[in-house]
Amino acid sequence: ETRFIYDGAIKATVKMTEANFYAEDVKVIVKKDGSEIWNGPVSSDKTIKDGDTTIAEFSDWTIDKENDTATCEIIMQADGDYEIGIDYTDSSSNDTEEGNSGEYTGNVENSIYTSNIMTVDTTVPTVEVTYDNKDVNNASYYKADRTATIRIKDRNFRPGEVNFVVTAKDVQEKESDTYAYSQLTDWSDWHQTKDEDYTWEATVPFDEDANYDISLGYTDLAGHSLEEDYSQSFTVDKTAPDTDKMTVSYSTPLKERILNAITFGYYKESVEITIKAEDLTSGIDYLTWTYVKETGASNTNVAEKTEVISRDALEFTEDGKTATGHFTLKATETEQYRGSISFTATDMAGNISNQKSDNERINVVDNISPTRVVSYSTAKQVV
């Protein structure tokens, strides 16, 4: 089916060559979206409206007796699919012969002319994108799959006019070689909605750990583009940081000793502790460390302490994958330490690692000098 697309009003000029022309013998049929809006002769200027909206206008026939011609103009201006029919047999019962209107061959049958479908489309297409998973962390990070529902509204929708691009990368900016998506250029990608006219819908899953950048452009057959192309960026990260890639290290102690496979590190003033973790997709958000006193240790020692090292206090490798945090256990007159360290890592999507525990090391931070008291039994005499 040949269709002519216009981005504004269509002016159809009907020219009849006939020496004995009578306007009342010409039946003009105009259809819009498959329904007749006019069927009959045109004897004067006509305007067809739908409420306040002008759909079509007809001019009265202009007769040129010297050249035996009669001309009528039909202007179709409201958005829609139009079809014109002309049925005319002159007073001598001569059928109308087919002229050249630049349309398909055979558009006159039994003296009745039927035009191609002509579409007026003055409306800019629109796009709406919604997502099923709205449980967001840190503005644009999600720890579960997401599915996008894309709706394009256009009277003359064609998938081939869609320009849809997705990039999926890890935290190191390496593109995924496993994520696959449809570019939405095939009819099988789309279905027409039941709740809104001229609206087509497609779904796109984002089901792999990745940082996604999405763009969508569309230009309809009348040349209208979206007022603004759609773009969105977000991260899907379903995987918590791996404890096997998490480490704890310590500043150099004054002395170390090993007892029952446990290393004791002795410090006088303080011990600086370094913890590291990595995340391949969203990156580390924060590290949470915990100190716990050794079982049976003196109550002079701090029993337990937990703190968070926030993202802005972390150091990152250039590729963003590995985060390093530092903290210090400092002895005071009231706080001494004898215990072990553990920590967890939380990524930007909110996934929390299992606890990384360094139970094979006890850190002793002690700046209180020991006191010495020697006592004796009472002497018989002091001379």
Protein backbone atom coordinates (compact mmCIF):
# COMPACT_ATOMS: atom_id res chain seq x y z
CA GLU A 1 0.00 0.00 0.00
CA THR A 2 1.50 3.31 -1.13
CA ARG A 3 1.09 6.09 1.40
CA PHE A 4 1.96 9.77 1.10
CA ILE A 5 3.13 11.49 4.28
CA TYR A 6 2.76 15.24 4.83
CA ASP A 7 4.01 17.36 7.70
CA GLY A 8 1.24 19.90 7.13
CA ALA A 9 -2.02 20.42 5.29
CA ILE A 10 -2.66 18.63 1.99
CA LYS A 11 -4.12 20.58 -0.92
CA ALA A 12 -5.72 18.36 -3.52
CA THR A 13 -6.67 20.08 -6.77
CA VAL A 14 -9.33 18.24 -8.77
CA LYS A 15 -9.37 19.30 -12.41
CA MET A 16 -12.04 18.03 -14.74
CA THR A 17 -11.84 18.55 -18.51
CA GLU A 18 -15.37 18.49 -19.81
CA ALA A 19 -17.24 20.75 -22.25
CA ASN A 20 -20.60 20.12 -20.62
CA PHE A 21 -19.65 20.16 -16.94
CA TYR A 22 -22.24 20.16 -14.19
CA ALA A 23 -21.00 20.25 -10.58
CA GLU A 24 -23.98 18.32 -9.31
CA ASP A 25 -22.90 15.34 -11.40
CA VAL A 26 -19.59 15.01 -9.54
CA LYS A 27 -19.73 12.97 -6.36
CA VAL A 28 -16.79 13.67 -4.07
CA ILE A 29 -16.02 11.22 -1.29
CA VAL A 30 -13.48 12.13 1.41
CA LYS A 31 -12.54 9.67 4.14
CA LYS A 32 -10.55 10.40 7.27
CA ASP A 33 -9.17 7.47 9.23
CA GLY A 34 -11.46 5.16 7.30
CA SER A 35 -14.70 7.08 7.95
CA GLU A 36 -16.47 9.29 5.42
CA ILE A 37 -16.45 12.99 6.28
CA TRP A 38 -18.00 13.98 2.95
CA ASN A 39 -19.99 12.13 0.29
CA GLY A 40 -21.77 14.11 -2.39
CA PRO A 41 -21.44 16.98 -4.87
CA VAL A 42 -19.65 20.22 -3.99
CA SER A 43 -21.77 23.22 -4.95
CA SER A 44 -20.20 25.92 -2.75
CA ASP A 45 -17.34 26.52 -0.33
CA LYS A 46 -17.53 24.02 2.54
CA THR A 47 -15.76 23.65 5.87
CA ILE A 48 -15.88 20.44 7.87
CA LYS A 49 -15.14 20.73 11.57
CA ASP A 50 -14.87 18.53 14.62
CA GLY A 51 -15.78 20.91 17.40
CA ASP A 52 -13.47 23.87 17.02
CA THR A 53 -10.99 21.94 14.88
CA THR A 54 -11.13 22.39 11.13
CA ILE A 55 -10.69 19.03 9.44
CA ALA A 56 -11.14 19.86 5.74
CA GLU A 57 -12.19 22.66 3.44
CA PHE A 58 -13.72 22.48 -0.05
CA SER A 59 -13.78 25.27 -2.63
CA ASP A 60 -16.60 25.70 -5.07
CA TRP A 61 -15.85 24.66 -8.62
CA THR A 62 -14.08 27.24 -10.76
CA ILE A 63 -15.30 27.00 -14.35
CA ASP A 64 -13.04 27.91 -17.29
CA LYS A 65 -15.41 27.75 -20.25
CA GLU A 66 -12.79 28.74 -22.77
CA ASN A 67 -10.64 25.71 -21.91
CA ASP A 68 -13.53 23.40 -20.92
CA THR A 69 -12.11 22.85 -17.43
CA ALA A 70 -13.53 22.89 -13.92
CA THR A 71 -11.34 23.01 -10.82
CA CYS A 72 -12.08 22.32 -7.15
CA GLU A 73 -9.65 22.40 -4.23
CA ILE A 74 -9.84 20.17 -1.18
CA ILE A 75 -7.63 21.07 1.79
CA MET A 76 -7.17 18.42 4.48
CA GLN A 77 -5.43 19.85 7.51
CA ALA A 78 -6.18 17.95 10.72
CA ASP A 79 -3.89 15.03 11.54
CA GLY A 80 -5.27 11.88 9.99
CA ASP A 81 -5.21 9.39 7.13
CA TYR A 82 -7.20 10.72 4.18
CA GLU A 83 -8.56 9.15 1.02
CA ILE A 84 -10.37 10.94 -1.81
CA GLY A 85 -12.83 9.40 -4.25
CA ILE A 86 -14.23 11.05 -7.39
CA ASP A 87 -17.24 9.53 -9.19
CA TYR A 88 -18.23 11.33 -12.37
CA THR A 89 -20.04 10.41 -15.56
CA ASP A 90 -20.96 13.26 -17.90
CA SER A 91 -24.45 13.92 -19.21
CA SER A 92 -23.73 11.84 -22.30
CA SER A 93 -22.84 8.86 -20.10
CA ASN A 94 -19.12 9.10 -20.85
CA ASP A 95 -17.03 7.68 -18.04
CA THR A 96 -14.07 9.62 -16.67
CA GLU A 97 -10.73 8.59 -18.06
CA GLU A 98 -7.72 8.19 -15.81
CA GLY A 99 -5.29 11.12 -15.72
CA ASN A 100 -1.76 11.24 -14.30
CA SER A 101 -1.71 12.27 -10.66
CA GLY A 102 1.61 10.65 -9.79
CA GLU A 103 -0.06 7.88 -7.87
CA TYR A 104 -0.24 4.16 -8.34
CA THR A 105 -1.47 2.73 -11.63
CA GLY A 106 -5.04 1.55 -11.60
CA ASN A 107 -6.53 4.01 -9.18
CA VAL A 108 -9.52 4.51 -11.45
CA GLU A 109 -11.98 1.65 -11.73
CA ASN A 110 -15.31 1.89 -13.53
CA SER A 111 -14.85 5.70 -13.77
CA ILE A 112 -14.45 6.00 -9.99
CA TYR A 113 -11.16 7.52 -8.89
CA THR A 114 -9.71 6.50 -5.52
CA SER A 115 -6.60 8.20 -4.20
CA ASN A 116 -3.72 6.73 -2.31
CA ILE A 117 -3.87 7.12 1.45
CA MET A 118 -2.49 10.53 2.37
CA THR A 119 -1.41 11.18 5.92
CA VAL A 120 -1.26 14.54 7.66
CA ASP A 121 1.11 14.35 10.59
CA THR A 122 1.96 17.60 12.37
CA THR A 123 2.50 16.07 15.80
CA VAL A 124 5.92 15.59 17.32
CA PRO A 125 6.36 11.99 18.53
CA THR A 126 6.78 11.41 22.27
CA VAL A 127 8.64 8.82 24.29
CA GLU A 128 8.07 7.66 27.84
CA VAL A 129 10.36 5.25 29.68
CA THR A 130 9.48 3.65 33.02
CA TYR A 131 11.26 1.06 35.15
CA ASP A 132 9.92 -1.70 37.37
CA ASN A 133 12.66 -1.57 40.03
CA LYS A 134 12.70 1.78 41.83
CA ASP A 135 14.58 0.64 44.95
CA VAL A 136 17.54 2.95 44.44
CA ASN A 137 20.68 3.49 46.48
CA ASN A 138 23.00 6.49 46.14
CA ALA A 139 20.78 8.10 43.50
CA SER A 140 21.40 5.65 40.63
CA TYR A 141 22.50 2.25 41.96
CA TYR A 142 20.29 -0.85 42.11
CA LYS A 143 21.01 -4.25 43.61
CA ALA A 144 18.40 -6.12 41.57
CA ASP A 145 17.52 -6.45 37.88
CA ARG A 146 15.61 -3.66 36.15
CA THR A 147 13.30 -3.77 33.16
CA ALA A 148 12.56 -0.66 31.11
CA THR A 149 9.20 -0.22 29.41
CA ILE A 150 9.50 2.13 26.43
CA ARG A 151 6.39 3.75 24.93
CA ILE A 152 6.56 5.74 21.71
CA LYS A 153 3.49 7.61 20.53
CA ASP A 154 3.42 8.34 16.82
CA ARG A 155 0.63 8.09 14.25
CA ASN A 156 2.99 6.55 11.68
CA PHE A 157 5.27 4.55 13.96
CA ARG A 158 7.99 2.51 12.27
CA PRO A 159 10.58 0.54 14.28
CA GLY A 160 13.20 1.28 11.66
CA GLU A 161 13.17 4.94 12.76
CA VAL A 162 14.21 4.04 16.33
CA ASN A 163 17.81 4.77 17.33
CA PHE A 164 18.35 2.88 20.59
CA VAL A 165 21.81 2.37 22.05
CA VAL A 166 22.93 0.79 25.34
CA THR A 167 26.47 0.53 26.67
CA ALA A 168 27.22 -1.74 29.63
CA LYS A 169 30.56 -1.32 31.41
CA ASP A 170 32.22 -2.36 34.64
CA VAL A 171 33.83 0.03 37.13
CA GLN A 172 37.03 -0.02 35.06
CA GLU A 173 35.15 1.23 31.97
CA LYS A 174 35.52 -2.13 30.27
CA GLU A 175 32.54 -2.94 28.05
CA SER A 176 30.65 -6.13 28.79
CA ASP A 177 31.11 -8.93 26.27
CA THR A 178 28.11 -10.86 27.59
CA TYR A 179 25.27 -8.31 27.83
CA ALA A 180 23.08 -8.42 24.72
CA TYR A 181 20.09 -6.24 23.88
CA SER A 182 17.75 -5.58 21.00
CA GLN A 183 18.14 -2.30 19.12
CA LEU A 184 14.32 -2.24 18.82
CA THR A 185 14.29 -1.85 15.04
CA ASP A 186 12.08 -4.85 14.31
CA TRP A 187 8.30 -5.12 14.54
CA SER A 188 8.73 -8.18 16.75
CA ASP A 189 10.22 -5.93 19.43
CA TRP A 190 7.04 -3.87 19.74
CA HIS A 191 3.34 -4.27 20.42
CA GLN A 192 0.58 -1.71 20.14
CA THR A 193 -0.99 -0.68 23.43
CA LYS A 194 -4.70 -1.04 24.07
CA ASP A 195 -5.06 1.97 26.35
CA GLU A 196 -3.73 4.73 24.07
CA ASP A 197 -4.03 5.38 20.33
CA TYR A 198 -0.94 5.28 18.11
CA THR A 199 1.23 4.11 21.00
CA TRP A 200 3.74 1.29 20.76
CA GLU A 201 5.53 -0.43 23.60
CA ALA A 202 8.74 -2.44 24.02
CA THR A 203 10.54 -3.84 27.07
CA VAL A 204 14.28 -4.04 27.64
CA PRO A 205 15.84 -6.05 30.50
CA PHE A 206 18.92 -4.86 32.37
CA ASP A 207 19.81 -8.11 34.10
CA GLU A 208 23.59 -8.12 34.21
CA ASP A 209 25.90 -6.38 36.67
CA ALA A 210 26.98 -3.28 34.77
CA ASN A 211 27.01 0.50 34.58
CA TYR A 212 24.44 1.28 31.88
CA ASP A 213 24.26 4.30 29.58
CA ILE A 214 21.06 4.44 27.52
CA SER A 215 20.08 6.72 24.65
CA LEU A 216 16.98 6.69 22.45
CA GLY A 217 16.18 8.88 19.48
CA TYR A 218 13.28 8.72 17.05
CA THR A 219 12.25 10.59 13.89
CA ASP A 220 8.85 9.93 12.35
CA LEU A 221 8.05 9.60 8.66
CA ALA A 222 6.99 13.25 8.48
CA GLY A 223 10.43 14.31 9.68
CA HIS A 224 9.48 15.19 13.23
CA SER A 225 12.05 14.22 15.88
CA LEU A 226 11.54 13.93 19.61
CA GLU A 227 11.69 17.29 21.33
CA GLU A 228 14.59 15.82 23.27
CA ASP A 229 16.26 12.45 22.87
CA TYR A 230 15.93 10.20 25.90
CA SER A 231 19.05 9.42 27.91
CA GLN A 232 19.59 7.71 31.26
CA SER A 233 22.46 6.22 33.25
CA PHE A 234 22.26 3.81 36.16
CA THR A 235 24.02 0.80 37.66
CA VAL A 236 22.79 -2.71 38.37
CA ASP A 237 25.05 -4.47 40.89
CA LYS A 238 23.76 -7.66 42.49
CA THR A 239 27.12 -8.90 43.78
CA ALA A 240 28.60 -8.02 47.16
CA PRO A 241 32.36 -7.36 47.50
CA ASP A 242 34.32 -10.62 47.72
CA THR A 243 35.91 -11.32 51.12
CA ASP A 244 38.72 -13.20 49.36
CA LYS A 245 39.78 -9.84 47.88
CA MET A 246 39.60 -8.04 51.25
CA THR A 247 42.78 -7.57 53.31
CA VAL A 248 43.94 -6.18 56.67
CA SER A 249 47.49 -4.97 57.35
CA TYR A 250 49.22 -3.20 60.24
CA SER A 251 52.00 -0.75 60.92
CA THR A 252 55.29 -2.25 62.14
CA PRO A 253 55.08 -3.32 65.79
CA LEU A 254 57.79 -2.88 68.42
CA LYS A 255 57.72 -6.59 68.92
CA GLU A 256 55.92 -9.66 67.64
CA ARG A 257 55.51 -13.05 69.18
CA ILE A 258 53.58 -16.11 68.07
CA LEU A 259 51.65 -18.14 70.58
CA ASN A 260 49.38 -21.05 69.60
CA ALA A 261 49.40 -19.93 65.94
CA ILE A 262 48.26 -16.44 66.89
CA THR A 263 50.54 -13.50 66.18
CA PHE A 264 50.71 -10.86 68.89
CA GLY A 265 51.83 -7.42 67.76
CA TYR A 266 52.93 -5.04 70.51
CA TYR A 267 52.65 -1.28 70.16
CA LYS A 268 53.39 1.43 72.69
CA GLU A 269 51.39 4.43 71.49
CA SER A 270 49.22 3.35 68.54
CA VAL A 271 48.79 0.96 65.67
CA GLU A 272 47.77 2.09 62.19
CA ILE A 273 45.56 -0.39 60.41
CA THR A 274 44.96 -0.53 56.64
CA ILE A 275 41.98 -2.31 55.15
CA LYS A 276 41.29 -2.91 51.46
CA ALA A 277 38.33 -4.15 49.42
CA GLU A 278 37.32 -4.16 45.77
CA ASP A 279 34.12 -4.12 43.76
CA LEU A 280 33.97 -4.77 40.02
CA THR A 281 30.76 -2.96 39.14
CA SER A 282 29.57 -0.08 41.30
CA GLY A 283 32.64 0.47 43.42
CA ILE A 284 33.02 0.62 47.21
CA ASP A 285 30.82 3.06 49.11
CA TYR A 286 32.20 2.60 52.65
CA LEU A 287 34.12 0.24 54.94
CA THR A 288 32.95 -0.64 58.44
CA TRP A 289 35.62 -1.86 60.87
CA THR A 290 35.24 -3.44 64.30
CA TYR A 291 37.73 -4.01 67.11
CA VAL A 292 36.84 -6.69 69.70
CA LYS A 293 38.77 -7.33 72.90
CA GLU A 294 40.50 -10.69 73.27
CA THR A 295 38.58 -13.12 75.45
CA GLY A 296 39.98 -13.05 78.96
CA ALA A 297 41.92 -9.81 78.49
CA SER A 298 42.00 -7.21 81.25
CA ASN A 299 39.05 -4.86 81.57
CA THR A 300 41.55 -2.04 81.23
CA ASN A 301 41.29 -2.71 77.52
CA VAL A 302 38.51 -1.32 75.36
CA ALA A 303 35.83 -3.99 74.97
CA GLU A 304 34.60 -3.14 71.46
CA LYS A 305 34.72 -0.33 68.95
CA THR A 306 33.11 0.12 65.52
CA GLU A 307 33.48 2.94 63.02
CA VAL A 308 32.72 3.65 59.37
CA ILE A 309 35.22 4.95 56.82
CA SER A 310 33.09 6.87 54.32
CA ARG A 311 33.71 7.04 50.58
CA ASP A 312 35.23 10.51 50.70
CA ALA A 313 37.84 9.26 53.20
CA LEU A 314 38.82 6.24 51.10
CA GLU A 315 41.65 6.04 48.62
CA PHE A 316 40.88 4.48 45.24
CA THR A 317 43.03 2.96 42.56
CA GLU A 318 43.00 4.77 39.24
CA ASP A 319 40.54 2.27 37.77
CA GLY A 320 38.16 2.75 40.72
CA LYS A 321 38.06 -0.95 41.55
CA THR A 322 40.01 -1.08 44.83
CA ALA A 323 39.33 1.07 47.91
CA THR A 324 41.77 1.52 50.80
CA GLY A 325 40.94 2.85 54.26
CA HIS A 326 43.14 3.70 57.22
CA PHE A 327 42.38 4.03 60.93
CA THR A 328 44.36 4.15 64.15
CA LEU A 329 43.94 2.53 67.56
CA LYS A 330 45.62 4.98 69.92
CA ALA A 331 46.27 4.20 73.54
CA THR A 332 45.45 6.72 76.26
CA GLU A 333 45.51 6.61 80.05
CA THR A 334 41.96 5.30 79.95
CA GLU A 335 41.97 3.27 76.73
CA GLN A 336 44.26 0.37 76.02
CA TYR A 337 43.76 -2.25 73.32
CA ARG A 338 44.25 -5.98 73.19
CA GLY A 339 42.11 -7.59 70.54
CA SER A 340 41.47 -8.37 66.88
CA ILE A 341 40.11 -6.54 63.84
CA SER A 342 37.34 -7.38 61.38
CA PHE A 343 35.56 -5.33 58.71
CA THR A 344 32.86 -5.39 56.05
CA ALA A 345 32.67 -3.59 52.69
CA THR A 346 29.50 -2.02 51.28
CA ASP A 347 29.28 -1.15 47.60
CA MET A 348 27.41 1.75 46.03
CA ALA A 349 24.37 -0.43 45.35
CA GLY A 350 24.10 -1.35 49.03
CA ASN A 351 25.45 -4.91 48.83
CA ILE A 352 27.32 -5.80 52.03
CA SER A 353 30.16 -8.30 52.05
CA ASN A 354 30.58 -11.08 54.56
CA GLN A 355 32.76 -10.14 57.49
CA LYS A 356 36.49 -10.27 56.93
CA SER A 357 38.05 -11.27 60.27
CA ASP A 358 41.73 -11.34 61.19
CA ASN A 359 41.44 -13.75 64.09
CA GLU A 360 45.02 -14.90 63.73
CA ARG A 361 46.40 -11.64 65.09
CA ILE A 362 46.02 -9.86 68.41
CA ASN A 363 47.13 -6.26 68.59
CA VAL A 364 48.31 -4.99 71.96
CA VAL A 365 48.47 -1.22 72.33
CA ASP A 366 49.77 -0.33 75.78
CA ASN A 367 51.35 2.97 76.86
CA ILE A 368 50.91 2.52 80.63
CA SER A 369 54.15 1.73 82.38
CA PRO A 370 54.02 -1.21 84.80
CA THR A 371 54.40 -0.46 88.51
CA ARG A 372 56.56 -2.45 90.87
CA VAL A 373 55.85 -3.06 94.55
CA VAL A 374 57.96 -5.45 96.68
CA SER A 375 56.73 -6.29 100.15
CA TYR A 376 58.34 -8.35 102.95
CA SER A 377 57.29 -9.95 106.14
CA THR A 378 57.84 -7.83 109.25
CA ALA A 379 61.51 -7.79 110.37
CA LYS A 380 62.51 -8.61 113.96
CA GLN A 381 64.63 -5.48 114.10
CA VAL A 382 65.82 -2.78 111.79
CA VAL A 383 69.29 -1.42 112.70
